[in-house]
Amino acid sequence: MSDYAIIEAGGKQIRVSAGEAITTDIMPGLNVGDTVTFDQVLLVREGDRVQVGAPYVKGCKVSAEVEKLGRTRKILVFKYKRKKRYRRKTGHRQQFMVARIKEISA
């Protein structure tokens, strides 16, 4: 059993350990209760031993269970050019998922 690992998910690097809940970008085709496997592991620490990947650690996987799917608060995007009567107002809500880490297998 590993102490912690650093994974790459959704273009971001996240430090995870077993039993911890992480929030990351949603992956298509997932539902609540599904199991997700992150195989892009950058670093694994087991006690005093640290494995660093080049770029990923071979044979290492992190499995997690999806607990929640949702959307963040709306962000307003407003474009404006003075003296030209140009205004554009749009909004965006980013989708996310909350996953609980089950195990780190090195």
Protein backbone atom coordinates (compact mmCIF):
# COMPACT_ATOMS: atom_id res chain seq x y z
CA MET A 1 0.00 0.00 0.00
CA SER A 2 1.41 3.37 -1.04
CA ASP A 3 1.53 6.51 1.08
CA TYR A 4 0.61 8.85 -1.76
CA ALA A 5 0.86 9.38 -5.50
CA ILE A 6 0.79 12.28 -7.91
CA ILE A 7 -1.50 11.70 -10.88
CA GLU A 8 -2.34 13.65 -14.00
CA ALA A 9 -6.08 14.13 -14.53
CA GLY A 10 -7.81 16.70 -16.69
CA GLY A 11 -4.53 18.44 -17.54
CA LYS A 12 -3.75 19.02 -13.85
CA GLN A 13 -1.42 17.28 -11.41
CA ILE A 14 -3.14 16.07 -8.23
CA ARG A 15 -1.59 14.58 -5.08
CA VAL A 16 -3.77 11.69 -3.88
CA SER A 17 -3.75 9.15 -1.07
CA ALA A 18 -6.06 6.24 -0.29
CA GLY A 19 -9.45 7.26 1.15
CA GLU A 20 -9.14 10.87 -0.02
CA ALA A 21 -11.79 12.60 -2.17
CA ILE A 22 -10.58 14.60 -5.18
CA THR A 23 -12.38 17.04 -7.47
CA THR A 24 -11.40 17.00 -11.14
CA ASP A 25 -12.82 17.64 -14.60
CA ILE A 26 -15.55 15.25 -15.66
CA MET A 27 -14.69 12.26 -17.84
CA PRO A 28 -17.23 11.38 -20.54
CA GLY A 29 -19.48 8.35 -20.05
CA LEU A 30 -19.23 8.14 -16.26
CA ASN A 31 -22.04 7.80 -13.74
CA VAL A 32 -22.15 7.91 -9.95
CA GLY A 33 -20.77 4.65 -8.51
CA ASP A 34 -18.52 3.85 -11.49
CA THR A 35 -14.87 2.97 -10.99
CA VAL A 36 -12.25 5.19 -12.64
CA THR A 37 -8.66 4.12 -13.24
CA PHE A 38 -5.97 6.78 -13.51
CA ASP A 39 -2.93 5.27 -15.22
CA GLN A 40 -0.98 8.50 -15.74
CA VAL A 41 0.91 8.35 -12.44
CA LEU A 42 3.86 10.73 -12.20
CA LEU A 43 5.20 9.81 -8.74
CA VAL A 44 4.57 7.15 -6.08
CA ARG A 45 5.82 7.15 -2.50
CA GLU A 46 5.90 3.97 -0.38
CA GLY A 47 7.52 4.59 3.00
CA ASP A 48 11.09 5.73 2.31
CA ARG A 49 11.01 4.63 -1.35
CA VAL A 50 10.02 7.15 -4.02
CA GLN A 51 9.43 6.21 -7.67
CA VAL A 52 9.51 9.04 -10.20
CA GLY A 53 8.25 8.36 -13.69
CA ALA A 54 9.76 9.42 -16.99
CA PRO A 55 7.12 10.74 -17.68
CA TYR A 56 4.88 8.08 -16.02
CA VAL A 57 5.58 5.26 -13.55
CA LYS A 58 5.23 1.95 -15.40
CA GLY A 59 2.68 -0.51 -14.06
CA CYS A 60 1.24 1.88 -11.49
CA LYS A 61 -2.48 2.65 -11.36
CA VAL A 62 -4.80 4.58 -9.07
CA SER A 63 -8.42 3.44 -8.82
CA ALA A 64 -11.24 5.64 -7.58
CA GLU A 65 -15.03 5.54 -7.28
CA VAL A 66 -17.17 8.41 -8.61
CA GLU A 67 -19.21 9.92 -5.76
CA LYS A 68 -20.72 13.01 -7.35
CA LEU A 69 -21.15 14.72 -10.72
CA GLY A 70 -21.95 18.40 -10.92
CA ARG A 71 -21.39 21.85 -12.35
CA THR A 72 -19.64 24.85 -10.80
CA ARG A 73 -21.04 28.35 -10.41
CA LYS A 74 -21.61 30.32 -13.60
CA ILE A 75 -18.75 32.50 -14.79
CA LEU A 76 -19.79 35.55 -16.81
CA VAL A 77 -17.68 36.49 -19.83
CA PHE A 78 -18.26 40.05 -21.04
CA LYS A 79 -16.57 41.55 -24.09
CA TYR A 80 -16.80 45.29 -24.70
CA LYS A 81 -15.31 47.81 -27.13
CA ARG A 82 -15.86 51.41 -26.27
CA LYS A 83 -17.31 53.86 -28.81
CA LYS A 84 -18.19 51.00 -31.21
CA ARG A 85 -21.48 49.73 -29.68
CA TYR A 86 -19.96 46.25 -29.32
CA ARG A 87 -21.00 44.17 -26.33
CA ARG A 88 -21.10 40.37 -25.91
CA LYS A 89 -22.19 38.65 -22.72
CA THR A 90 -21.90 34.89 -22.36
CA GLY A 91 -21.65 32.48 -19.45
CA HIS A 92 -19.92 29.19 -18.69
CA ARG A 93 -20.42 26.43 -16.10
CA GLN A 94 -17.59 23.91 -15.81
CA GLN A 95 -18.57 20.29 -15.18
CA PHE A 96 -16.73 18.39 -12.43
CA MET A 97 -16.69 15.05 -10.66
CA VAL A 98 -15.82 14.10 -7.10
CA ALA A 99 -14.04 10.74 -6.82
CA ARG A 100 -12.87 8.87 -3.71
CA ILE A 101 -9.51 7.12 -4.07
CA LYS A 102 -9.81 3.40 -3.30
CA GLU A 103 -6.26 2.14 -3.82
CA ILE A 104 -2.87 2.95 -5.27
CA SER A 105 -1.22 -0.09 -6.84
CA ALA A 106 2.47 0.37 -7.60
